[in-house]
Amino acid sequence: MMRGFCVVTLLMAVPASAADTPDMRGAPFAMQGGEAVYRGVCQGCHMADAKGASGAGTYPALAGNPKLAEPGYVLSMVMNGHRGMPPFGGQFSNGQAADVVNFVRSHFGNHYKGKVTEADAQALR
């Protein structure tokens, strides 16, 4: 049931005109900034408080998650996905990917140092 909710959330977040936005590389998500991307895309599975969820699937907590200490790991998960985590590299611009990684690493009780850049996201493509 939770997985279906995530799919519906993602489908509702796809604006028709986003493909015409410069530097979106065909990405369907128009929201800008890490918080907006998290709220519009990620929280459907990871929850508004980033504490994760369990149900038809398991969605790991991002709040207090020590795996987020390594910025490359988080960026790779966002861009390439893993297991139940869908790859968003084809839907996010480099800026969106970097922004959401930086947001998650610096919010929800996380205080990890170092920033991911658009160049880092481009390098994973």
PDB file of N, CA and C in Angstrom:
ATOM      1  N   MET A   1       0.822  -1.190   0.000  1.00  0.00           N
ATOM      2  CA  MET A   1       0.000   0.000   0.000  1.00  0.00           C
ATOM      3  C   MET A   1       0.863   1.248   0.000  1.00  0.00           C
ATOM      4  N   MET A   2       1.924   1.273   0.794  1.00  0.00           N
ATOM      5  CA  MET A   2       2.791   2.445   0.852  1.00  0.00           C
ATOM      6  C   MET A   2       3.476   2.666  -0.491  1.00  0.00           C
ATOM      7  N   ARG A   3       3.882   1.604  -1.168  1.00  0.00           N
ATOM      8  CA  ARG A   3       4.556   1.748  -2.454  1.00  0.00           C
ATOM      9  C   ARG A   3       3.613   2.393  -3.464  1.00  0.00           C
ATOM     10  N   GLY A   4       2.360   2.037  -3.469  1.00  0.00           N
ATOM     11  CA  GLY A   4       1.386   2.656  -4.364  1.00  0.00           C
ATOM     12  C   GLY A   4       1.233   4.138  -4.080  1.00  0.00           C
ATOM     13  N   PHE A   5       1.277   4.498  -2.813  1.00  0.00           N
ATOM     14  CA  PHE A   5       1.197   5.908  -2.442  1.00  0.00           C
ATOM     15  C   PHE A   5       2.351   6.681  -3.058  1.00  0.00           C
ATOM     16  N   CYS A   6       3.550   6.098  -3.018  1.00  0.00           N
ATOM     17  CA  CYS A   6       4.719   6.778  -3.572  1.00  0.00           C
ATOM     18  C   CYS A   6       4.560   6.976  -5.072  1.00  0.00           C
ATOM     19  N   VAL A   7       4.072   5.979  -5.772  1.00  0.00           N
ATOM     20  CA  VAL A   7       3.886   6.095  -7.218  1.00  0.00           C
ATOM     21  C   VAL A   7       2.883   7.191  -7.528  1.00  0.00           C
ATOM     22  N   VAL A   8       1.780   7.228  -6.806  1.00  0.00           N
ATOM     23  CA  VAL A   8       0.776   8.266  -7.028  1.00  0.00           C
ATOM     24  C   VAL A   8       1.376   9.631  -6.740  1.00  0.00           C
ATOM     25  N   THR A   9       2.134   9.753  -5.658  1.00  0.00           N
ATOM     26  CA  THR A   9       2.763  11.023  -5.320  1.00  0.00           C
ATOM     27  C   THR A   9       3.684  11.471  -6.440  1.00  0.00           C
ATOM     28  N   LEU A  10       4.485  10.565  -6.965  1.00  0.00           N
ATOM     29  CA  LEU A  10       5.415  10.922  -8.029  1.00  0.00           C
ATOM     30  C   LEU A  10       4.682  11.327  -9.291  1.00  0.00           C
ATOM     31  N   LEU A  11       3.634  10.627  -9.644  1.00  0.00           N
ATOM     32  CA  LEU A  11       2.896  10.961 -10.848  1.00  0.00           C
ATOM     33  C   LEU A  11       2.211  12.312 -10.726  1.00  0.00           C
ATOM     34  N   MET A  12       1.737  12.638  -9.533  1.00  0.00           N
ATOM     35  CA  MET A  12       1.068  13.918  -9.338  1.00  0.00           C
ATOM     36  C   MET A  12       2.064  15.071  -9.390  1.00  0.00           C
ATOM     37  N   ALA A  13       3.358  14.796  -9.169  1.00  0.00           N
ATOM     38  CA  ALA A  13       4.361  15.848  -9.114  1.00  0.00           C
ATOM     39  C   ALA A  13       4.941  16.196 -10.477  1.00  0.00           C
ATOM     40  N   VAL A  14       4.490  15.563 -11.539  1.00  0.00           N
ATOM     41  CA  VAL A  14       5.063  15.771 -12.851  1.00  0.00           C
ATOM     42  C   VAL A  14       4.307  16.854 -13.605  1.00  0.00           C
ATOM     43  N   PRO A  15       4.867  18.069 -13.678  1.00  0.00           N
ATOM     44  CA  PRO A  15       4.216  19.132 -14.427  1.00  0.00           C
ATOM     45  C   PRO A  15       4.464  18.959 -15.927  1.00  0.00           C
ATOM     46  N   ALA A  16       3.484  19.280 -16.736  1.00  0.00           N
ATOM     47  CA  ALA A  16       3.587  19.087 -18.175  1.00  0.00           C
ATOM     48  C   ALA A  16       4.636  19.971 -18.812  1.00  0.00           C
ATOM     49  N   SER A  17       4.886  21.161 -18.288  1.00  0.00           N
ATOM     50  CA  SER A  17       5.791  22.095 -18.940  1.00  0.00           C
ATOM     51  C   SER A  17       7.237  21.989 -18.468  1.00  0.00           C
ATOM     52  N   ALA A  18       7.557  21.100 -17.547  1.00  0.00           N
ATOM     53  CA  ALA A  18       8.906  21.041 -16.989  1.00  0.00           C
ATOM     54  C   ALA A  18       9.944  20.662 -18.027  1.00  0.00           C
ATOM     55  N   ALA A  19       9.581  19.868 -19.023  1.00  0.00           N
ATOM     56  CA  ALA A  19      10.548  19.438 -20.029  1.00  0.00           C
ATOM     57  C   ALA A  19      11.076  20.622 -20.826  1.00  0.00           C
ATOM     58  N   ASP A  20      10.351  21.730 -20.855  1.00  0.00           N
ATOM     59  CA  ASP A  20      10.783  22.907 -21.589  1.00  0.00           C
ATOM     60  C   ASP A  20      11.648  23.836 -20.751  1.00  0.00           C
ATOM     61  N   THR A  21      11.849  23.519 -19.479  1.00  0.00           N
ATOM     62  CA  THR A  21      12.639  24.355 -18.593  1.00  0.00           C
ATOM     63  C   THR A  21      14.114  24.159 -18.904  1.00  0.00           C
ATOM     64  N   PRO A  22      14.889  25.241 -19.069  1.00  0.00           N
ATOM     65  CA  PRO A  22      16.320  25.106 -19.349  1.00  0.00           C
ATOM     66  C   PRO A  22      17.035  24.340 -18.247  1.00  0.00           C
ATOM     67  N   ASP A  23      18.068  23.583 -18.609  1.00  0.00           N
ATOM     68  CA  ASP A  23      18.921  22.827 -17.709  1.00  0.00           C
ATOM     69  C   ASP A  23      18.181  21.737 -16.948  1.00  0.00           C
ATOM     70  N   MET A  24      17.066  21.277 -17.456  1.00  0.00           N
ATOM     71  CA  MET A  24      16.347  20.202 -16.771  1.00  0.00           C
ATOM     72  C   MET A  24      16.694  18.846 -17.375  1.00  0.00           C
ATOM     73  N   ARG A  25      17.386  18.798 -18.490  1.00  0.00           N
ATOM     74  CA  ARG A  25      17.810  17.561 -19.140  1.00  0.00           C
ATOM     75  C   ARG A  25      16.652  16.573 -19.284  1.00  0.00           C
ATOM     76  N   GLY A  26      15.472  17.095 -19.622  1.00  0.00           N
ATOM     77  CA  GLY A  26      14.298  16.255 -19.796  1.00  0.00           C
ATOM     78  C   GLY A  26      13.623  15.889 -18.489  1.00  0.00           C
ATOM     79  N   ALA A  27      14.066  16.472 -17.392  1.00  0.00           N
ATOM     80  CA  ALA A  27      13.534  16.138 -16.075  1.00  0.00           C
ATOM     81  C   ALA A  27      12.092  16.613 -15.926  1.00  0.00           C
ATOM     82  N   PRO A  28      11.219  15.774 -15.361  1.00  0.00           N
ATOM     83  CA  PRO A  28       9.823  16.158 -15.214  1.00  0.00           C
ATOM     84  C   PRO A  28       9.508  16.990 -13.973  1.00  0.00           C
ATOM     85  N   PHE A  29      10.440  17.147 -13.067  1.00  0.00           N
ATOM     86  CA  PHE A  29      10.151  17.869 -11.835  1.00  0.00           C
ATOM     87  C   PHE A  29      10.611  19.316 -11.940  1.00  0.00           C
ATOM     88  N   ALA A  30       9.689  20.254 -11.751  1.00  0.00           N
ATOM     89  CA  ALA A  30      10.013  21.666 -11.895  1.00  0.00           C
ATOM     90  C   ALA A  30      10.444  22.310 -10.585  1.00  0.00           C
ATOM     91  N   MET A  31      10.173  21.675  -9.434  1.00  0.00           N
ATOM     92  CA  MET A  31      10.491  22.328  -8.164  1.00  0.00           C
ATOM     93  C   MET A  31      11.999  22.535  -8.032  1.00  0.00           C
ATOM     94  N   GLN A  32      12.361  23.638  -7.410  1.00  0.00           N
ATOM     95  CA  GLN A  32      13.767  23.994  -7.240  1.00  0.00           C
ATOM     96  C   GLN A  32      14.079  24.142  -5.760  1.00  0.00           C
ATOM     97  N   GLY A  33      15.302  23.819  -5.398  1.00  0.00           N
ATOM     98  CA  GLY A  33      15.740  23.891  -4.007  1.00  0.00           C
ATOM     99  C   GLY A  33      15.555  22.556  -3.315  1.00  0.00           C
ATOM    100  N   GLY A  34      16.478  22.241  -2.436  1.00  0.00           N
ATOM    101  CA  GLY A  34      16.465  20.945  -1.766  1.00  0.00           C
ATOM    102  C   GLY A  34      15.204  20.647  -0.983  1.00  0.00           C
ATOM    103  N   GLU A  35      14.709  21.642  -0.254  1.00  0.00           N
ATOM    104  CA  GLU A  35      13.497  21.411   0.538  1.00  0.00           C
ATOM    105  C   GLU A  35      12.297  21.154  -0.369  1.00  0.00           C
ATOM    106  N   ALA A  36      12.168  21.917  -1.431  1.00  0.00           N
ATOM    107  CA  ALA A  36      11.039  21.737  -2.354  1.00  0.00           C
ATOM    108  C   ALA A  36      11.095  20.374  -3.031  1.00  0.00           C
ATOM    109  N   VAL A  37      12.285  19.935  -3.424  1.00  0.00           N
ATOM    110  CA  VAL A  37      12.425  18.614  -4.048  1.00  0.00           C
ATOM    111  C   VAL A  37      12.084  17.531  -3.031  1.00  0.00           C
ATOM    112  N   TYR A  38      12.595  17.667  -1.808  1.00  0.00           N
ATOM    113  CA  TYR A  38      12.290  16.669  -0.777  1.00  0.00           C
ATOM    114  C   TYR A  38      10.790  16.593  -0.538  1.00  0.00           C
ATOM    115  N   ARG A  39      10.162  17.736  -0.324  1.00  0.00           N
ATOM    116  CA  ARG A  39       8.722  17.766  -0.034  1.00  0.00           C
ATOM    117  C   ARG A  39       7.900  17.253  -1.214  1.00  0.00           C
ATOM    118  N   GLY A  40       8.303  17.569  -2.424  1.00  0.00           N
ATOM    119  CA  GLY A  40       7.535  17.186  -3.596  1.00  0.00           C
ATOM    120  C   GLY A  40       7.764  15.767  -4.073  1.00  0.00           C
ATOM    121  N   VAL A  41       8.915  15.182  -3.740  1.00  0.00           N
ATOM    122  CA  VAL A  41       9.253  13.861  -4.279  1.00  0.00           C
ATOM    123  C   VAL A  41       9.581  12.852  -3.175  1.00  0.00           C
ATOM    124  N   CYS A  42      10.484  13.186  -2.309  1.00  0.00           N
ATOM    125  CA  CYS A  42      11.045  12.210  -1.375  1.00  0.00           C
ATOM    126  C   CYS A  42      10.159  11.876  -0.182  1.00  0.00           C
ATOM    127  N   GLN A  43       9.440  12.882   0.331  1.00  0.00           N
ATOM    128  CA  GLN A  43       8.709  12.637   1.569  1.00  0.00           C
ATOM    129  C   GLN A  43       7.554  11.662   1.382  1.00  0.00           C
ATOM    130  N   GLY A  44       7.125  11.414   0.172  1.00  0.00           N
ATOM    131  CA  GLY A  44       6.065  10.436  -0.051  1.00  0.00           C
ATOM    132  C   GLY A  44       6.442   9.052   0.454  1.00  0.00           C
ATOM    133  N   CYS A  45       7.718   8.735   0.431  1.00  0.00           N
ATOM    134  CA  CYS A  45       8.189   7.443   0.937  1.00  0.00           C
ATOM    135  C   CYS A  45       8.939   7.578   2.262  1.00  0.00           C
ATOM    136  N   HIS A  46       9.802   8.588   2.358  1.00  0.00           N
ATOM    137  CA  HIS A  46      10.635   8.742   3.556  1.00  0.00           C
ATOM    138  C   HIS A  46       9.940   9.516   4.660  1.00  0.00           C
ATOM    139  N   MET A  47       8.747  10.046   4.390  1.00  0.00           N
ATOM    140  CA  MET A  47       7.889  10.765   5.321  1.00  0.00           C
ATOM    141  C   MET A  47       8.377  12.195   5.561  1.00  0.00           C
ATOM    142  N   ALA A  48       7.460  13.043   5.994  1.00  0.00           N
ATOM    143  CA  ALA A  48       7.743  14.461   6.191  1.00  0.00           C
ATOM    144  C   ALA A  48       8.834  14.687   7.238  1.00  0.00           C
ATOM    145  N   ASP A  49       8.908  13.796   8.242  1.00  0.00           N
ATOM    146  CA  ASP A  49       9.917  13.932   9.291  1.00  0.00           C
ATOM    147  C   ASP A  49      11.190  13.149   8.972  1.00  0.00           C
ATOM    148  N   ALA A  50      11.238  12.521   7.800  1.00  0.00           N
ATOM    149  CA  ALA A  50      12.386  11.733   7.326  1.00  0.00           C
ATOM    150  C   ALA A  50      12.701  10.541   8.216  1.00  0.00           C
ATOM    151  N   LYS A  51      11.711  10.064   8.953  1.00  0.00           N
ATOM    152  CA  LYS A  51      11.933   8.924   9.836  1.00  0.00           C
ATOM    153  C   LYS A  51      11.615   7.596   9.171  1.00  0.00           C
ATOM    154  N   GLY A  52      11.275   7.626   7.870  1.00  0.00           N
ATOM    155  CA  GLY A  52      11.028   6.402   7.145  1.00  0.00           C
ATOM    156  C   GLY A  52       9.673   5.800   7.462  1.00  0.00           C
ATOM    157  N   ALA A  53       9.421   4.642   6.867  1.00  0.00           N
ATOM    158  CA  ALA A  53       8.133   3.979   7.051  1.00  0.00           C
ATOM    159  C   ALA A  53       8.273   2.506   6.729  1.00  0.00           C
ATOM    160  N   SER A  54       7.339   1.716   7.230  1.00  0.00           N
ATOM    161  CA  SER A  54       7.233   0.300   6.903  1.00  0.00           C
ATOM    162  C   SER A  54       5.787   0.002   6.592  1.00  0.00           C
ATOM    163  N   GLY A  55       5.586  -0.910   5.694  1.00  0.00           N
ATOM    164  CA  GLY A  55       4.248  -1.311   5.277  1.00  0.00           C
ATOM    165  C   GLY A  55       4.436  -2.344   4.194  1.00  0.00           C
ATOM    166  N   ALA A  56       3.950  -2.051   3.004  1.00  0.00           N
ATOM    167  CA  ALA A  56       4.160  -2.953   1.875  1.00  0.00           C
ATOM    168  C   ALA A  56       5.634  -2.995   1.499  1.00  0.00           C
ATOM    169  N   GLY A  57       6.367  -1.979   1.885  1.00  0.00           N
ATOM    170  CA  GLY A  57       7.807  -1.905   1.671  1.00  0.00           C
ATOM    171  C   GLY A  57       8.435  -1.240   2.880  1.00  0.00           C
ATOM    172  N   THR A  58       9.753  -1.192   2.895  1.00  0.00           N
ATOM    173  CA  THR A  58      10.462  -0.507   3.969  1.00  0.00           C
ATOM    174  C   THR A  58      11.200   0.669   3.362  1.00  0.00           C
ATOM    175  N   TYR A  59      10.975   1.842   3.922  1.00  0.00           N
ATOM    176  CA  TYR A  59      11.589   3.069   3.453  1.00  0.00           C
ATOM    177  C   TYR A  59      12.473   3.575   4.583  1.00  0.00           C
ATOM    178  N   PRO A  60      13.782   3.551   4.396  1.00  0.00           N
ATOM    179  CA  PRO A  60      14.681   3.861   5.501  1.00  0.00           C
ATOM    180  C   PRO A  60      14.565   5.297   5.990  1.00  0.00           C
ATOM    181  N   ALA A  61      14.845   5.450   7.266  1.00  0.00           N
ATOM    182  CA  ALA A  61      14.900   6.781   7.859  1.00  0.00           C
ATOM    183  C   ALA A  61      16.113   7.507   7.302  1.00  0.00           C
ATOM    184  N   LEU A  62      15.934   8.773   7.009  1.00  0.00           N
ATOM    185  CA  LEU A  62      17.046   9.633   6.627  1.00  0.00           C
ATOM    186  C   LEU A  62      17.492  10.468   7.825  1.00  0.00           C
ATOM    187  N   ALA A  63      16.588  10.662   8.769  1.00  0.00           N
ATOM    188  CA  ALA A  63      16.895  11.395   9.998  1.00  0.00           C
ATOM    189  C   ALA A  63      17.868  10.568  10.829  1.00  0.00           C
ATOM    190  N   GLY A  64      19.009  11.154  11.149  1.00  0.00           N
ATOM    191  CA  GLY A  64      19.988  10.472  11.980  1.00  0.00           C
ATOM    192  C   GLY A  64      20.628   9.257  11.328  1.00  0.00           C
ATOM    193  N   ASN A  65      20.604   9.172  10.025  1.00  0.00           N
ATOM    194  CA  ASN A  65      21.150   8.020   9.319  1.00  0.00           C
ATOM    195  C   ASN A  65      22.652   8.228   9.087  1.00  0.00           C
ATOM    196  N   PRO A  66      23.513   7.404   9.708  1.00  0.00           N
ATOM    197  CA  PRO A  66      24.962   7.593   9.560  1.00  0.00           C
ATOM    198  C   PRO A  66      25.466   7.379   8.136  1.00  0.00           C
ATOM    199  N   LYS A  67      24.706   6.694   7.291  1.00  0.00           N
ATOM    200  CA  LYS A  67      25.121   6.503   5.897  1.00  0.00           C
ATOM    201  C   LYS A  67      25.152   7.821   5.132  1.00  0.00           C
ATOM    202  N   LEU A  68      24.435   8.816   5.621  1.00  0.00           N
ATOM    203  CA  LEU A  68      24.406  10.111   4.955  1.00  0.00           C
ATOM    204  C   LEU A  68      25.690  10.911   5.185  1.00  0.00           C
ATOM    205  N   ALA A  69      26.575  10.415   6.043  1.00  0.00           N
ATOM    206  CA  ALA A  69      27.850  11.103   6.294  1.00  0.00           C
ATOM    207  C   ALA A  69      28.690  11.154   5.026  1.00  0.00           C
ATOM    208  N   GLU A  70      28.564  10.180   4.171  1.00  0.00           N
ATOM    209  CA  GLU A  70      29.321  10.131   2.919  1.00  0.00           C
ATOM    210  C   GLU A  70      28.477  10.736   1.806  1.00  0.00           C
ATOM    211  N   PRO A  71      28.801  11.958   1.364  1.00  0.00           N
ATOM    212  CA  PRO A  71      27.965  12.625   0.364  1.00  0.00           C
ATOM    213  C   PRO A  71      27.857  11.860  -0.954  1.00  0.00           C
ATOM    214  N   GLY A  72      28.919  11.173  -1.341  1.00  0.00           N
ATOM    215  CA  GLY A  72      28.889  10.405  -2.586  1.00  0.00           C
ATOM    216  C   GLY A  72      27.897   9.256  -2.533  1.00  0.00           C
ATOM    217  N   TYR A  73      27.758   8.644  -1.378  1.00  0.00           N
ATOM    218  CA  TYR A  73      26.791   7.558  -1.207  1.00  0.00           C
ATOM    219  C   TYR A  73      25.369   8.072  -1.418  1.00  0.00           C
ATOM    220  N   VAL A  74      25.059   9.192  -0.780  1.00  0.00           N
ATOM    221  CA  VAL A  74      23.711   9.745  -0.878  1.00  0.00           C
ATOM    222  C   VAL A  74      23.425  10.163  -2.314  1.00  0.00           C
ATOM    223  N   LEU A  75      24.357  10.832  -2.944  1.00  0.00           N
ATOM    224  CA  LEU A  75      24.175  11.271  -4.324  1.00  0.00           C
ATOM    225  C   LEU A  75      23.979  10.076  -5.249  1.00  0.00           C
ATOM    226  N   SER A  76      24.746   9.020  -5.047  1.00  0.00           N
ATOM    227  CA  SER A  76      24.594   7.818  -5.864  1.00  0.00           C
ATOM    228  C   SER A  76      23.217   7.189  -5.681  1.00  0.00           C
ATOM    229  N   MET A  77      22.726   7.157  -4.443  1.00  0.00           N
ATOM    230  CA  MET A  77      21.392   6.614  -4.192  1.00  0.00           C
ATOM    231  C   MET A  77      20.326   7.434  -4.915  1.00  0.00           C
ATOM    232  N   VAL A  78      20.440   8.758  -4.859  1.00  0.00           N
ATOM    233  CA  VAL A  78      19.467   9.632  -5.511  1.00  0.00           C
ATOM    234  C   VAL A  78      19.535   9.475  -7.026  1.00  0.00           C
ATOM    235  N   MET A  79      20.717   9.467  -7.575  1.00  0.00           N
ATOM    236  CA  MET A  79      20.881   9.434  -9.030  1.00  0.00           C
ATOM    237  C   MET A  79      20.613   8.044  -9.619  1.00  0.00           C
ATOM    238  N   ASN A  80      21.139   7.008  -8.956  1.00  0.00           N
ATOM    239  CA  ASN A  80      21.100   5.659  -9.528  1.00  0.00           C
ATOM    240  C   ASN A  80      20.083   4.726  -8.893  1.00  0.00           C
ATOM    241  N   GLY A  81      19.585   5.086  -7.708  1.00  0.00           N
ATOM    242  CA  GLY A  81      18.662   4.207  -7.006  1.00  0.00           C
ATOM    243  C   GLY A  81      19.364   2.966  -6.482  1.00  0.00           C
ATOM    244  N   HIS A  82      18.617   2.140  -5.792  1.00  0.00           N
ATOM    245  CA  HIS A  82      19.140   0.876  -5.254  1.00  0.00           C
ATOM    246  C   HIS A  82      17.971   0.116  -4.659  1.00  0.00           C
ATOM    247  N   ARG A  83      17.801  -1.115  -5.076  1.00  0.00           N
ATOM    248  CA  ARG A  83      16.690  -1.944  -4.619  1.00  0.00           C
ATOM    249  C   ARG A  83      15.359  -1.227  -4.835  1.00  0.00           C
ATOM    250  N   GLY A  84      14.632  -0.906  -3.776  1.00  0.00           N
ATOM    251  CA  GLY A  84      13.329  -0.254  -3.905  1.00  0.00           C
ATOM    252  C   GLY A  84      13.404   1.248  -4.155  1.00  0.00           C
ATOM    253  N   MET A  85      14.589   1.827  -4.039  1.00  0.00           N
ATOM    254  CA  MET A  85      14.760   3.264  -4.277  1.00  0.00           C
ATOM    255  C   MET A  85      14.891   3.480  -5.780  1.00  0.00           C
ATOM    256  N   PRO A  86      13.951   4.210  -6.371  1.00  0.00           N
ATOM    257  CA  PRO A  86      14.042   4.434  -7.815  1.00  0.00           C
ATOM    258  C   PRO A  86      15.175   5.395  -8.164  1.00  0.00           C
ATOM    259  N   PRO A  87      15.757   5.251  -9.345  1.00  0.00           N
ATOM    260  CA  PRO A  87      16.787   6.197  -9.777  1.00  0.00           C
ATOM    261  C   PRO A  87      16.143   7.506 -10.243  1.00  0.00           C
ATOM    262  N   PHE A  88      16.604   8.613  -9.712  1.00  0.00           N
ATOM    263  CA  PHE A  88      16.059   9.911 -10.095  1.00  0.00           C
ATOM    264  C   PHE A  88      17.003  10.696 -11.000  1.00  0.00           C
ATOM    265  N   GLY A  89      18.105  10.094 -11.397  1.00  0.00           N
ATOM    266  CA  GLY A  89      19.057  10.783 -12.266  1.00  0.00           C
ATOM    267  C   GLY A  89      18.430  11.250 -13.569  1.00  0.00           C
ATOM    268  N   GLY A  90      17.467  10.527 -14.078  1.00  0.00           N
ATOM    269  CA  GLY A  90      16.800  10.917 -15.313  1.00  0.00           C
ATOM    270  C   GLY A  90      15.701  11.930 -15.117  1.00  0.00           C
ATOM    271  N   GLN A  91      15.278  12.145 -13.876  1.00  0.00           N
ATOM    272  CA  GLN A  91      14.205  13.085 -13.597  1.00  0.00           C
ATOM    273  C   GLN A  91      14.690  14.388 -12.958  1.00  0.00           C
ATOM    274  N   PHE A  92      15.849  14.348 -12.313  1.00  0.00           N
ATOM    275  CA  PHE A  92      16.377  15.534 -11.638  1.00  0.00           C
ATOM    276  C   PHE A  92      17.472  16.173 -12.477  1.00  0.00           C
ATOM    277  N   SER A  93      17.518  17.483 -12.460  1.00  0.00           N
ATOM    278  CA  SER A  93      18.673  18.182 -13.021  1.00  0.00           C
ATOM    279  C   SER A  93      19.839  17.968 -12.051  1.00  0.00           C
ATOM    280  N   ASN A  94      21.031  18.324 -12.484  1.00  0.00           N
ATOM    281  CA  ASN A  94      22.192  18.223 -11.591  1.00  0.00           C
ATOM    282  C   ASN A  94      21.987  19.080 -10.341  1.00  0.00           C
ATOM    283  N   GLY A  95      21.416  20.256 -10.516  1.00  0.00           N
ATOM    284  CA  GLY A  95      21.170  21.149  -9.391  1.00  0.00           C
ATOM    285  C   GLY A  95      20.160  20.584  -8.409  1.00  0.00           C
ATOM    286  N   GLN A  96      19.087  19.990  -8.927  1.00  0.00           N
ATOM    287  CA  GLN A  96      18.078  19.395  -8.049  1.00  0.00           C
ATOM    288  C   GLN A  96      18.678  18.253  -7.237  1.00  0.00           C
ATOM    289  N   ALA A  97      19.462  17.403  -7.890  1.00  0.00           N
ATOM    290  CA  ALA A  97      20.079  16.275  -7.189  1.00  0.00           C
ATOM    291  C   ALA A  97      20.999  16.772  -6.084  1.00  0.00           C
ATOM    292  N   ALA A  98      21.859  17.730  -6.405  1.00  0.00           N
ATOM    293  CA  ALA A  98      22.779  18.274  -5.402  1.00  0.00           C
ATOM    294  C   ALA A  98      22.010  18.950  -4.272  1.00  0.00           C
ATOM    295  N   ASP A  99      21.000  19.721  -4.631  1.00  0.00           N
ATOM    296  CA  ASP A  99      20.228  20.444  -3.610  1.00  0.00           C
ATOM    297  C   ASP A  99      19.520  19.511  -2.644  1.00  0.00           C
ATOM    298  N   VAL A 100      18.899  18.455  -3.146  1.00  0.00           N
ATOM    299  CA  VAL A 100      18.161  17.564  -2.244  1.00  0.00           C
ATOM    300  C   VAL A 100      19.119  16.767  -1.368  1.00  0.00           C
ATOM    301  N   VAL A 101      20.269  16.373  -1.913  1.00  0.00           N
ATOM    302  CA  VAL A 101      21.266  15.677  -1.088  1.00  0.00           C
ATOM    303  C   VAL A 101      21.761  16.603   0.017  1.00  0.00           C
ATOM    304  N   ASN A 102      22.083  17.834  -0.327  1.00  0.00           N
ATOM    305  CA  ASN A 102      22.560  18.784   0.685  1.00  0.00           C
ATOM    306  C   ASN A 102      21.487  19.072   1.727  1.00  0.00           C
ATOM    307  N   PHE A 103      20.237  19.145   1.299  1.00  0.00           N
ATOM    308  CA  PHE A 103      19.134  19.389   2.237  1.00  0.00           C
ATOM    309  C   PHE A 103      19.009  18.242   3.238  1.00  0.00           C
ATOM    310  N   VAL A 104      18.979  17.031   2.755  1.00  0.00           N
ATOM    311  CA  VAL A 104      18.798  15.873   3.637  1.00  0.00           C
ATOM    312  C   VAL A 104      19.982  15.722   4.584  1.00  0.00           C
ATOM    313  N   ARG A 105      21.183  16.027   4.115  1.00  0.00           N
ATOM    314  CA  ARG A 105      22.375  15.890   4.954  1.00  0.00           C
ATOM    315  C   ARG A 105      22.497  16.985   6.011  1.00  0.00           C
ATOM    316  N   SER A 106      21.678  18.043   5.883  1.00  0.00           N
ATOM    317  CA  SER A 106      21.788  19.155   6.833  1.00  0.00           C
ATOM    318  C   SER A 106      20.479  19.449   7.573  1.00  0.00           C
ATOM    319  N   HIS A 107      19.502  18.570   7.455  1.00  0.00           N
ATOM    320  CA  HIS A 107      18.217  18.742   8.140  1.00  0.00           C
ATOM    321  C   HIS A 107      17.825  17.428   8.818  1.00  0.00           C
ATOM    322  N   PHE A 108      16.723  17.441   9.525  1.00  0.00           N
ATOM    323  CA  PHE A 108      16.195  16.243  10.203  1.00  0.00           C
ATOM    324  C   PHE A 108      17.162  15.721  11.267  1.00  0.00           C
ATOM    325  N   GLY A 109      17.895  16.630  11.903  1.00  0.00           N
ATOM    326  CA  GLY A 109      18.862  16.229  12.920  1.00  0.00           C
ATOM    327  C   GLY A 109      20.209  15.843  12.352  1.00  0.00           C
ATOM    328  N   ASN A 110      20.374  15.911  11.049  1.00  0.00           N
ATOM    329  CA  ASN A 110      21.650  15.604  10.403  1.00  0.00           C
ATOM    330  C   ASN A 110      22.473  16.887  10.308  1.00  0.00           C
ATOM    331  N   HIS A 111      23.765  16.758  10.581  1.00  0.00           N
ATOM    332  CA  HIS A 111      24.661  17.921  10.515  1.00  0.00           C
ATOM    333  C   HIS A 111      25.964  17.514   9.844  1.00  0.00           C
ATOM    334  N   TYR A 112      25.851  16.865   8.689  1.00  0.00           N
ATOM    335  CA  TYR A 112      27.041  16.383   8.002  1.00  0.00           C
ATOM    336  C   TYR A 112      27.712  17.511   7.233  1.00  0.00           C
ATOM    337  N   LYS A 113      29.027  17.528   7.279  1.00  0.00           N
ATOM    338  CA  LYS A 113      29.820  18.558   6.619  1.00  0.00           C
ATOM    339  C   LYS A 113      30.038  18.191   5.151  1.00  0.00           C
ATOM    340  N   GLY A 114      30.347  19.206   4.370  1.00  0.00           N
ATOM    341  CA  GLY A 114      30.630  19.006   2.956  1.00  0.00           C
ATOM    342  C   GLY A 114      29.376  19.150   2.116  1.00  0.00           C
ATOM    343  N   LYS A 115      29.549  19.730   0.956  1.00  0.00           N
ATOM    344  CA  LYS A 115      28.427  19.959   0.046  1.00  0.00           C
ATOM    345  C   LYS A 115      28.632  19.174  -1.238  1.00  0.00           C
ATOM    346  N   VAL A 116      27.545  18.694  -1.790  1.00  0.00           N
ATOM    347  CA  VAL A 116      27.544  18.076  -3.103  1.00  0.00           C
ATOM    348  C   VAL A 116      27.306  19.201  -4.111  1.00  0.00           C
ATOM    349  N   THR A 117      27.990  19.135  -5.237  1.00  0.00           N
ATOM    350  CA  THR A 117      27.850  20.165  -6.263  1.00  0.00           C
ATOM    351  C   THR A 117      27.160  19.611  -7.508  1.00  0.00           C
ATOM    352  N   GLU A 118      26.755  20.519  -8.366  1.00  0.00           N
ATOM    353  CA  GLU A 118      26.188  20.111  -9.656  1.00  0.00           C
ATOM    354  C   GLU A 118      27.211  19.315 -10.448  1.00  0.00           C
ATOM    355  N   ALA A 119      28.483  19.672 -10.335  1.00  0.00           N
ATOM    356  CA  ALA A 119      29.538  18.936 -11.038  1.00  0.00           C
ATOM    357  C   ALA A 119      29.635  17.496 -10.529  1.00  0.00           C
ATOM    358  N   ASP A 120      29.417  17.293  -9.236  1.00  0.00           N
ATOM    359  CA  ASP A 120      29.417  15.930  -8.682  1.00  0.00           C
ATOM    360  C   ASP A 120      28.284  15.108  -9.306  1.00  0.00           C
ATOM    361  N   ALA A 121      27.119  15.721  -9.422  1.00  0.00           N
ATOM    362  CA  ALA A 121      25.977  15.026 -10.026  1.00  0.00           C
ATOM    363  C   ALA A 121      26.259  14.730 -11.498  1.00  0.00           C
ATOM    364  N   GLN A 122      26.833  15.688 -12.200  1.00  0.00           N
ATOM    365  CA  GLN A 122      27.160  15.478 -13.610  1.00  0.00           C
ATOM    366  C   GLN A 122      28.142  14.322 -13.781  1.00  0.00           C
ATOM    367  N   ALA A 123      29.092  14.215 -12.879  1.00  0.00           N
ATOM    368  CA  ALA A 123      30.091  13.161 -12.950  1.00  0.00           C
ATOM    369  C   ALA A 123      29.475  11.765 -12.818  1.00  0.00           C
ATOM    370  N   LEU A 124      28.344  11.661 -12.140  1.00  0.00           N
ATOM    371  CA  LEU A 124      27.668  10.356 -11.992  1.00  0.00           C
ATOM    372  C   LEU A 124      26.838   9.985 -13.219  1.00  0.00           C
ATOM    373  N   ARG A 125      26.594  10.904 -14.094  1.00  0.00           N
ATOM    374  CA  ARG A 125      25.765  10.621 -15.280  1.00  0.00           C
ATOM    375  C   ARG A 125      26.508   9.781 -16.287  1.00  0.00           C
TER     376      ARG A 125
END
